[in-house]
Amino acid sequence: SLKYYANRLTQYERIEIEEYPEVWYLGLDACKIHGDPQNGEFDDDNGSYNKVLHDHISYRYEILEVIGKGSFGQVIRALDHKTNQHIAIKII
């Protein structure tokens, strides 16, 4: 993935991806957040994850839409690129 797509990944992703033994989806067409996860750019003022449509979660799941929000998290509809199935993911 790095050999062919490093220039289309964020600086953080280029480091993070090396921790993953399998890569199924990169979210190359998403409007990615270019920031340092240590300073909070990946969540909002309430601590909720800022979802970016068509970006990846764990280089496997594609974020398709938010289907619910509550006091203790959010639920998104995602495509699992390993199994090619639509799934729900709860993000706390």
PDB file of N, CA and C in Angstrom:
ATOM      1  N   SER A   1       0.825  -1.193   0.000  1.00  0.00           N
ATOM      2  CA  SER A   1       0.000   0.000   0.000  1.00  0.00           C
ATOM      3  C   SER A   1       0.867   1.254   0.000  1.00  0.00           C
ATOM      4  N   LEU A   2       1.904   1.249   0.814  1.00  0.00           N
ATOM      5  CA  LEU A   2       2.780   2.423   0.864  1.00  0.00           C
ATOM      6  C   LEU A   2       3.533   2.621  -0.447  1.00  0.00           C
ATOM      7  N   LYS A   3       3.917   1.536  -1.069  1.00  0.00           N
ATOM      8  CA  LYS A   3       4.671   1.625  -2.317  1.00  0.00           C
ATOM      9  C   LYS A   3       3.867   2.353  -3.388  1.00  0.00           C
ATOM     10  N   TYR A   4       2.569   2.065  -3.466  1.00  0.00           N
ATOM     11  CA  TYR A   4       1.760   2.619  -4.541  1.00  0.00           C
ATOM     12  C   TYR A   4       0.951   3.861  -4.145  1.00  0.00           C
ATOM     13  N   TYR A   5       0.612   4.001  -2.856  1.00  0.00           N
ATOM     14  CA  TYR A   5      -0.336   5.045  -2.466  1.00  0.00           C
ATOM     15  C   TYR A   5       0.152   5.989  -1.369  1.00  0.00           C
ATOM     16  N   ALA A   6       1.384   5.946  -0.995  1.00  0.00           N
ATOM     17  CA  ALA A   6       1.882   6.779   0.107  1.00  0.00           C
ATOM     18  C   ALA A   6       1.584   8.257  -0.113  1.00  0.00           C
ATOM     19  N   ASN A   7       1.676   8.718  -1.345  1.00  0.00           N
ATOM     20  CA  ASN A   7       1.446  10.147  -1.620  1.00  0.00           C
ATOM     21  C   ASN A   7      -0.028  10.535  -1.482  1.00  0.00           C
ATOM     22  N   ARG A   8      -0.932   9.559  -1.378  1.00  0.00           N
ATOM     23  CA  ARG A   8      -2.359   9.852  -1.225  1.00  0.00           C
ATOM     24  C   ARG A   8      -2.847   9.615   0.201  1.00  0.00           C
ATOM     25  N   LEU A   9      -1.949   9.186   1.081  1.00  0.00           N
ATOM     26  CA  LEU A   9      -2.272   8.973   2.497  1.00  0.00           C
ATOM     27  C   LEU A   9      -1.781  10.157   3.309  1.00  0.00           C
ATOM     28  N   THR A  10      -2.422  10.348   4.475  1.00  0.00           N
ATOM     29  CA  THR A  10      -1.951  11.409   5.364  1.00  0.00           C
ATOM     30  C   THR A  10      -0.631  10.986   5.998  1.00  0.00           C
ATOM     31  N   GLN A  11       0.049  11.953   6.559  1.00  0.00           N
ATOM     32  CA  GLN A  11       1.316  11.655   7.230  1.00  0.00           C
ATOM     33  C   GLN A  11       1.097  10.638   8.348  1.00  0.00           C
ATOM     34  N   TYR A  12       0.023  10.806   9.104  1.00  0.00           N
ATOM     35  CA  TYR A  12      -0.282   9.864  10.183  1.00  0.00           C
ATOM     36  C   TYR A  12      -0.568   8.461   9.631  1.00  0.00           C
ATOM     37  N   GLU A  13      -1.325   8.376   8.548  1.00  0.00           N
ATOM     38  CA  GLU A  13      -1.652   7.067   7.974  1.00  0.00           C
ATOM     39  C   GLU A  13      -0.404   6.340   7.486  1.00  0.00           C
ATOM     40  N   ARG A  14       0.551   7.078   6.951  1.00  0.00           N
ATOM     41  CA  ARG A  14       1.776   6.445   6.462  1.00  0.00           C
ATOM     42  C   ARG A  14       2.540   5.754   7.595  1.00  0.00           C
ATOM     43  N   ILE A  15       2.393   6.251   8.798  1.00  0.00           N
ATOM     44  CA  ILE A  15       3.013   5.606   9.962  1.00  0.00           C
ATOM     45  C   ILE A  15       2.109   4.510  10.501  1.00  0.00           C
ATOM     46  N   GLU A  16       0.837   4.831  10.669  1.00  0.00           N
ATOM     47  CA  GLU A  16      -0.130   3.907  11.267  1.00  0.00           C
ATOM     48  C   GLU A  16      -0.303   2.616  10.468  1.00  0.00           C
ATOM     49  N   ILE A  17      -0.307   2.706   9.151  1.00  0.00           N
ATOM     50  CA  ILE A  17      -0.621   1.555   8.311  1.00  0.00           C
ATOM     51  C   ILE A  17       0.360   0.398   8.507  1.00  0.00           C
ATOM     52  N   GLU A  18       1.554   0.713   8.942  1.00  0.00           N
ATOM     53  CA  GLU A  18       2.552  -0.339   9.147  1.00  0.00           C
ATOM     54  C   GLU A  18       2.180  -1.279  10.294  1.00  0.00           C
ATOM     55  N   GLU A  19       1.243  -0.865  11.150  1.00  0.00           N
ATOM     56  CA  GLU A  19       0.782  -1.702  12.262  1.00  0.00           C
ATOM     57  C   GLU A  19      -0.259  -2.742  11.825  1.00  0.00           C
ATOM     58  N   TYR A  20      -0.751  -2.628  10.596  1.00  0.00           N
ATOM     59  CA  TYR A  20      -1.838  -3.483  10.113  1.00  0.00           C
ATOM     60  C   TYR A  20      -1.291  -4.577   9.201  1.00  0.00           C
ATOM     61  N   PRO A  21      -1.520  -5.854   9.571  1.00  0.00           N
ATOM     62  CA  PRO A  21      -1.021  -6.951   8.734  1.00  0.00           C
ATOM     63  C   PRO A  21      -1.804  -7.107   7.418  1.00  0.00           C
ATOM     64  N   GLU A  22      -3.051  -6.623   7.383  1.00  0.00           N
ATOM     65  CA  GLU A  22      -3.869  -6.686   6.175  1.00  0.00           C
ATOM     66  C   GLU A  22      -4.490  -5.315   5.922  1.00  0.00           C
ATOM     67  N   VAL A  23      -4.549  -4.937   4.672  1.00  0.00           N
ATOM     68  CA  VAL A  23      -5.172  -3.672   4.282  1.00  0.00           C
ATOM     69  C   VAL A  23      -6.193  -3.992   3.202  1.00  0.00           C
ATOM     70  N   TRP A  24      -7.447  -3.623   3.467  1.00  0.00           N
ATOM     71  CA  TRP A  24      -8.530  -3.912   2.537  1.00  0.00           C
ATOM     72  C   TRP A  24      -9.068  -2.663   1.866  1.00  0.00           C
ATOM     73  N   TYR A  25      -8.899  -1.516   2.494  1.00  0.00           N
ATOM     74  CA  TYR A  25      -9.486  -0.284   1.964  1.00  0.00           C
ATOM     75  C   TYR A  25      -8.701   0.903   2.495  1.00  0.00           C
ATOM     76  N   LEU A  26      -8.422   1.880   1.630  1.00  0.00           N
ATOM     77  CA  LEU A  26      -7.627   3.037   2.027  1.00  0.00           C
ATOM     78  C   LEU A  26      -8.414   4.343   2.098  1.00  0.00           C
ATOM     79  N   GLY A  27      -9.590   4.390   1.528  1.00  0.00           N
ATOM     80  CA  GLY A  27     -10.356   5.632   1.546  1.00  0.00           C
ATOM     81  C   GLY A  27      -9.681   6.743   0.769  1.00  0.00           C
ATOM     82  N   LEU A  28      -9.122   6.417  -0.364  1.00  0.00           N
ATOM     83  CA  LEU A  28      -8.322   7.384  -1.117  1.00  0.00           C
ATOM     84  C   LEU A  28      -9.122   8.562  -1.643  1.00  0.00           C
ATOM     85  N   ASP A  29     -10.420   8.400  -1.857  1.00  0.00           N
ATOM     86  CA  ASP A  29     -11.236   9.496  -2.384  1.00  0.00           C
ATOM     87  C   ASP A  29     -11.897  10.334  -1.294  1.00  0.00           C
ATOM     88  N   ALA A  30     -11.654  10.012  -0.033  1.00  0.00           N
ATOM     89  CA  ALA A  30     -12.243  10.759   1.086  1.00  0.00           C
ATOM     90  C   ALA A  30     -11.495  12.072   1.306  1.00  0.00           C
ATOM     91  N   CYS A  31     -12.195  13.051   1.841  1.00  0.00           N
ATOM     92  CA  CYS A  31     -11.564  14.325   2.230  1.00  0.00           C
ATOM     93  C   CYS A  31     -10.990  14.151   3.631  1.00  0.00           C
ATOM     94  N   LYS A  32      -9.840  13.562   3.710  1.00  0.00           N
ATOM     95  CA  LYS A  32      -9.237  13.147   4.975  1.00  0.00           C
ATOM     96  C   LYS A  32      -8.865  14.325   5.872  1.00  0.00           C
ATOM     97  N   ILE A  33      -8.867  14.058   7.164  1.00  0.00           N
ATOM     98  CA  ILE A  33      -8.393  15.024   8.156  1.00  0.00           C
ATOM     99  C   ILE A  33      -6.876  14.899   8.220  1.00  0.00           C
ATOM    100  N   HIS A  34      -6.181  15.983   7.964  1.00  0.00           N
ATOM    101  CA  HIS A  34      -4.713  15.985   8.019  1.00  0.00           C
ATOM    102  C   HIS A  34      -4.310  16.641   9.339  1.00  0.00           C
ATOM    103  N   GLY A  35      -4.113  15.807  10.333  1.00  0.00           N
ATOM    104  CA  GLY A  35      -3.767  16.360  11.630  1.00  0.00           C
ATOM    105  C   GLY A  35      -3.074  15.339  12.501  1.00  0.00           C
ATOM    106  N   ASP A  36      -2.676  15.781  13.638  1.00  0.00           N
ATOM    107  CA  ASP A  36      -2.016  14.940  14.625  1.00  0.00           C
ATOM    108  C   ASP A  36      -3.073  14.451  15.606  1.00  0.00           C
ATOM    109  N   PRO A  37      -3.267  13.142  15.741  1.00  0.00           N
ATOM    110  CA  PRO A  37      -4.309  12.653  16.643  1.00  0.00           C
ATOM    111  C   PRO A  37      -4.079  13.014  18.102  1.00  0.00           C
ATOM    112  N   GLN A  38      -2.877  13.429  18.455  1.00  0.00           N
ATOM    113  CA  GLN A  38      -2.583  13.795  19.838  1.00  0.00           C
ATOM    114  C   GLN A  38      -3.205  15.139  20.224  1.00  0.00           C
ATOM    115  N   ASN A  39      -3.552  15.975  19.235  1.00  0.00           N
ATOM    116  CA  ASN A  39      -4.077  17.290  19.586  1.00  0.00           C
ATOM    117  C   ASN A  39      -5.584  17.412  19.362  1.00  0.00           C
ATOM    118  N   GLY A  40      -6.274  16.313  19.138  1.00  0.00           N
ATOM    119  CA  GLY A  40      -7.727  16.340  19.131  1.00  0.00           C
ATOM    120  C   GLY A  40      -8.412  16.716  17.848  1.00  0.00           C
ATOM    121  N   GLU A  41      -7.734  16.752  16.744  1.00  0.00           N
ATOM    122  CA  GLU A  41      -8.369  17.127  15.487  1.00  0.00           C
ATOM    123  C   GLU A  41      -9.299  16.034  14.953  1.00  0.00           C
ATOM    124  N   PHE A  42      -9.236  14.849  15.495  1.00  0.00           N
ATOM    125  CA  PHE A  42     -10.060  13.752  15.011  1.00  0.00           C
ATOM    126  C   PHE A  42     -11.366  13.614  15.775  1.00  0.00           C
ATOM    127  N   ASP A  43     -11.593  14.491  16.757  1.00  0.00           N
ATOM    128  CA  ASP A  43     -12.879  14.491  17.449  1.00  0.00           C
ATOM    129  C   ASP A  43     -13.373  15.926  17.608  1.00  0.00           C
ATOM    130  N   ASP A  44     -14.677  16.048  17.901  1.00  0.00           N
ATOM    131  CA  ASP A  44     -15.262  17.384  18.035  1.00  0.00           C
ATOM    132  C   ASP A  44     -15.157  17.870  19.480  1.00  0.00           C
ATOM    133  N   ASP A  45     -15.765  19.006  19.772  1.00  0.00           N
ATOM    134  CA  ASP A  45     -15.684  19.593  21.115  1.00  0.00           C
ATOM    135  C   ASP A  45     -16.317  18.712  22.185  1.00  0.00           C
ATOM    136  N   ASN A  46     -17.222  17.821  21.783  1.00  0.00           N
ATOM    137  CA  ASN A  46     -17.870  16.903  22.732  1.00  0.00           C
ATOM    138  C   ASN A  46     -17.123  15.580  22.854  1.00  0.00           C
ATOM    139  N   GLY A  47     -16.025  15.430  22.135  1.00  0.00           N
ATOM    140  CA  GLY A  47     -15.263  14.193  22.186  1.00  0.00           C
ATOM    141  C   GLY A  47     -15.767  13.123  21.235  1.00  0.00           C
ATOM    142  N   SER A  48     -16.689  13.468  20.348  1.00  0.00           N
ATOM    143  CA  SER A  48     -17.208  12.512  19.374  1.00  0.00           C
ATOM    144  C   SER A  48     -16.303  12.484  18.145  1.00  0.00           C
ATOM    145  N   TYR A  49     -16.104  11.306  17.623  1.00  0.00           N
ATOM    146  CA  TYR A  49     -15.248  11.114  16.460  1.00  0.00           C
ATOM    147  C   TYR A  49     -15.804  11.871  15.256  1.00  0.00           C
ATOM    148  N   ASN A  50     -14.965  12.642  14.580  1.00  0.00           N
ATOM    149  CA  ASN A  50     -15.360  13.336  13.355  1.00  0.00           C
ATOM    150  C   ASN A  50     -15.287  12.337  12.201  1.00  0.00           C
ATOM    151  N   LYS A  51     -16.437  11.885  11.761  1.00  0.00           N
ATOM    152  CA  LYS A  51     -16.481  10.904  10.694  1.00  0.00           C
ATOM    153  C   LYS A  51     -16.318  11.600   9.351  1.00  0.00           C
ATOM    154  N   VAL A  52     -15.576  10.984   8.467  1.00  0.00           N
ATOM    155  CA  VAL A  52     -15.378  11.486   7.117  1.00  0.00           C
ATOM    156  C   VAL A  52     -15.936  10.424   6.175  1.00  0.00           C
ATOM    157  N   LEU A  53     -16.983  10.790   5.440  1.00  0.00           N
ATOM    158  CA  LEU A  53     -17.596   9.822   4.536  1.00  0.00           C
ATOM    159  C   LEU A  53     -16.568   9.273   3.546  1.00  0.00           C
ATOM    160  N   HIS A  54     -16.631   7.978   3.357  1.00  0.00           N
ATOM    161  CA  HIS A  54     -15.779   7.219   2.436  1.00  0.00           C
ATOM    162  C   HIS A  54     -14.338   7.088   2.907  1.00  0.00           C
ATOM    163  N   ASP A  55     -14.051   7.518   4.125  1.00  0.00           N
ATOM    164  CA  ASP A  55     -12.741   7.237   4.703  1.00  0.00           C
ATOM    165  C   ASP A  55     -12.797   5.843   5.323  1.00  0.00           C
ATOM    166  N   HIS A  56     -11.664   5.370   5.767  1.00  0.00           N
ATOM    167  CA  HIS A  56     -11.593   4.017   6.314  1.00  0.00           C
ATOM    168  C   HIS A  56     -11.636   4.019   7.837  1.00  0.00           C
ATOM    169  N   ILE A  57     -11.994   2.884   8.366  1.00  0.00           N
ATOM    170  CA  ILE A  57     -11.775   2.559   9.774  1.00  0.00           C
ATOM    171  C   ILE A  57     -10.954   1.281   9.749  1.00  0.00           C
ATOM    172  N   SER A  58      -9.798   1.323  10.324  1.00  0.00           N
ATOM    173  CA  SER A  58      -8.887   0.184  10.408  1.00  0.00           C
ATOM    174  C   SER A  58      -8.522  -0.402   9.046  1.00  0.00           C
ATOM    175  N   TYR A  59      -8.508   0.417   8.030  1.00  0.00           N
ATOM    176  CA  TYR A  59      -8.123   0.005   6.688  1.00  0.00           C
ATOM    177  C   TYR A  59      -8.941  -1.183   6.179  1.00  0.00           C
ATOM    178  N   ARG A  60     -10.178  -1.278   6.679  1.00  0.00           N
ATOM    179  CA  ARG A  60     -11.071  -2.367   6.277  1.00  0.00           C
ATOM    180  C   ARG A  60     -12.492  -1.883   5.994  1.00  0.00           C
ATOM    181  N   TYR A  61     -12.971  -0.951   6.801  1.00  0.00           N
ATOM    182  CA  TYR A  61     -14.366  -0.522   6.719  1.00  0.00           C
ATOM    183  C   TYR A  61     -14.464   0.865   6.091  1.00  0.00           C
ATOM    184  N   GLU A  62     -15.417   1.036   5.185  1.00  0.00           N
ATOM    185  CA  GLU A  62     -15.672   2.324   4.548  1.00  0.00           C
ATOM    186  C   GLU A  62     -16.876   2.975   5.215  1.00  0.00           C
ATOM    187  N   ILE A  63     -16.712   4.189   5.714  1.00  0.00           N
ATOM    188  CA  ILE A  63     -17.801   4.919   6.362  1.00  0.00           C
ATOM    189  C   ILE A  63     -18.778   5.394   5.283  1.00  0.00           C
ATOM    190  N   LEU A  64     -20.038   4.948   5.393  1.00  0.00           N
ATOM    191  CA  LEU A  64     -21.041   5.313   4.405  1.00  0.00           C
ATOM    192  C   LEU A  64     -22.016   6.373   4.906  1.00  0.00           C
ATOM    193  N   GLU A  65     -22.461   6.250   6.157  1.00  0.00           N
ATOM    194  CA  GLU A  65     -23.388   7.254   6.702  1.00  0.00           C
ATOM    195  C   GLU A  65     -23.534   7.057   8.198  1.00  0.00           C
ATOM    196  N   VAL A  66     -23.943   8.128   8.865  1.00  0.00           N
ATOM    197  CA  VAL A  66     -24.290   8.058  10.282  1.00  0.00           C
ATOM    198  C   VAL A  66     -25.743   7.633  10.354  1.00  0.00           C
ATOM    199  N   ILE A  67     -26.031   6.586  11.113  1.00  0.00           N
ATOM    200  CA  ILE A  67     -27.421   6.132  11.221  1.00  0.00           C
ATOM    201  C   ILE A  67     -28.008   6.354  12.605  1.00  0.00           C
ATOM    202  N   GLY A  68     -27.208   6.833  13.540  1.00  0.00           N
ATOM    203  CA  GLY A  68     -27.742   7.130  14.856  1.00  0.00           C
ATOM    204  C   GLY A  68     -26.719   7.786  15.759  1.00  0.00           C
ATOM    205  N   LYS A  69     -27.229   8.598  16.698  1.00  0.00           N
ATOM    206  CA  LYS A  69     -26.377   9.255  17.697  1.00  0.00           C
ATOM    207  C   LYS A  69     -27.076   9.158  19.030  1.00  0.00           C
ATOM    208  N   GLY A  70     -26.285   9.040  20.068  1.00  0.00           N
ATOM    209  CA  GLY A  70     -26.845   8.996  21.404  1.00  0.00           C
ATOM    210  C   GLY A  70     -25.864   9.551  22.406  1.00  0.00           C
ATOM    211  N   SER A  71     -26.211   9.423  23.681  1.00  0.00           N
ATOM    212  CA  SER A  71     -25.356   9.949  24.751  1.00  0.00           C
ATOM    213  C   SER A  71     -24.017   9.242  24.826  1.00  0.00           C
ATOM    214  N   PHE A  72     -23.995   7.987  24.449  1.00  0.00           N
ATOM    215  CA  PHE A  72     -22.774   7.192  24.617  1.00  0.00           C
ATOM    216  C   PHE A  72     -22.202   6.706  23.299  1.00  0.00           C
ATOM    217  N   GLY A  73     -22.402   7.447  22.230  1.00  0.00           N
ATOM    218  CA  GLY A  73     -21.757   7.069  20.982  1.00  0.00           C
ATOM    219  C   GLY A  73     -22.585   7.344  19.755  1.00  0.00           C
ATOM    220  N   GLN A  74     -22.048   6.889  18.650  1.00  0.00           N
ATOM    221  CA  GLN A  74     -22.658   7.065  17.350  1.00  0.00           C
ATOM    222  C   GLN A  74     -22.651   5.716  16.644  1.00  0.00           C
ATOM    223  N   VAL A  75     -23.588   5.531  15.732  1.00  0.00           N
ATOM    224  CA  VAL A  75     -23.622   4.313  14.939  1.00  0.00           C
ATOM    225  C   VAL A  75     -23.520   4.720  13.475  1.00  0.00           C
ATOM    226  N   ILE A  76     -22.614   4.052  12.778  1.00  0.00           N
ATOM    227  CA  ILE A  76     -22.456   4.330  11.357  1.00  0.00           C
ATOM    228  C   ILE A  76     -22.754   3.070  10.552  1.00  0.00           C
ATOM    229  N   ARG A  77     -23.198   3.291   9.323  1.00  0.00           N
ATOM    230  CA  ARG A  77     -23.318   2.193   8.364  1.00  0.00           C
ATOM    231  C   ARG A  77     -22.010   2.183   7.606  1.00  0.00           C
ATOM    232  N   ALA A  78     -21.450   1.000   7.446  1.00  0.00           N
ATOM    233  CA  ALA A  78     -20.154   0.871   6.796  1.00  0.00           C
ATOM    234  C   ALA A  78     -20.159  -0.335   5.868  1.00  0.00           C
ATOM    235  N   LEU A  79     -19.248  -0.306   4.925  1.00  0.00           N
ATOM    236  CA  LEU A  79     -19.029  -1.444   4.047  1.00  0.00           C
ATOM    237  C   LEU A  79     -17.749  -2.127   4.490  1.00  0.00           C
ATOM    238  N   ASP A  80     -17.864  -3.414   4.799  1.00  0.00           N
ATOM    239  CA  ASP A  80     -16.697  -4.217   5.152  1.00  0.00           C
ATOM    240  C   ASP A  80     -16.083  -4.692   3.837  1.00  0.00           C
ATOM    241  N   HIS A  81     -14.944  -4.160   3.491  1.00  0.00           N
ATOM    242  CA  HIS A  81     -14.320  -4.493   2.215  1.00  0.00           C
ATOM    243  C   HIS A  81     -13.704  -5.883   2.215  1.00  0.00           C
ATOM    244  N   LYS A  82     -13.559  -6.495   3.353  1.00  0.00           N
ATOM    245  CA  LYS A  82     -13.056  -7.876   3.397  1.00  0.00           C
ATOM    246  C   LYS A  82     -14.169  -8.859   3.045  1.00  0.00           C
ATOM    247  N   THR A  83     -15.375  -8.636   3.571  1.00  0.00           N
ATOM    248  CA  THR A  83     -16.487  -9.565   3.345  1.00  0.00           C
ATOM    249  C   THR A  83     -17.492  -9.045   2.319  1.00  0.00           C
ATOM    250  N   ASN A  84     -17.341  -7.776   1.910  1.00  0.00           N
ATOM    251  CA  ASN A  84     -18.266  -7.102   0.993  1.00  0.00           C
ATOM    252  C   ASN A  84     -19.699  -7.062   1.551  1.00  0.00           C
ATOM    253  N   GLN A  85     -19.823  -6.877   2.866  1.00  0.00           N
ATOM    254  CA  GLN A  85     -21.130  -6.784   3.508  1.00  0.00           C
ATOM    255  C   GLN A  85     -21.296  -5.423   4.162  1.00  0.00           C
ATOM    256  N   HIS A  86     -22.542  -4.953   4.203  1.00  0.00           N
ATOM    257  CA  HIS A  86     -22.853  -3.726   4.930  1.00  0.00           C
ATOM    258  C   HIS A  86     -23.037  -4.088   6.391  1.00  0.00           C
ATOM    259  N   ILE A  87     -22.450  -3.279   7.260  1.00  0.00           N
ATOM    260  CA  ILE A  87     -22.507  -3.543   8.697  1.00  0.00           C
ATOM    261  C   ILE A  87     -22.781  -2.235   9.442  1.00  0.00           C
ATOM    262  N   ALA A  88     -23.100  -2.355  10.711  1.00  0.00           N
ATOM    263  CA  ALA A  88     -23.229  -1.192  11.601  1.00  0.00           C
ATOM    264  C   ALA A  88     -22.060  -1.227  12.579  1.00  0.00           C
ATOM    265  N   ILE A  89     -21.468  -0.072  12.817  1.00  0.00           N
ATOM    266  CA  ILE A  89     -20.372   0.044  13.780  1.00  0.00           C
ATOM    267  C   ILE A  89     -20.758   1.096  14.807  1.00  0.00           C
ATOM    268  N   LYS A  90     -20.694   0.731  16.080  1.00  0.00           N
ATOM    269  CA  LYS A  90     -20.948   1.693  17.151  1.00  0.00           C
ATOM    270  C   LYS A  90     -19.610   2.248  17.595  1.00  0.00           C
ATOM    271  N   ILE A  91     -19.526   3.582  17.582  1.00  0.00           N
ATOM    272  CA  ILE A  91     -18.293   4.277  17.987  1.00  0.00           C
ATOM    273  C   ILE A  91     -18.579   4.968  19.310  1.00  0.00           C
ATOM    274  N   ILE A  92     -17.860   4.590  20.337  1.00  0.00           N
ATOM    275  CA  ILE A  92     -18.064   5.164  21.671  1.00  0.00           C
ATOM    276  C   ILE A  92     -16.935   6.137  21.960  1.00  0.00           C
TER     277      ILE A  92
END
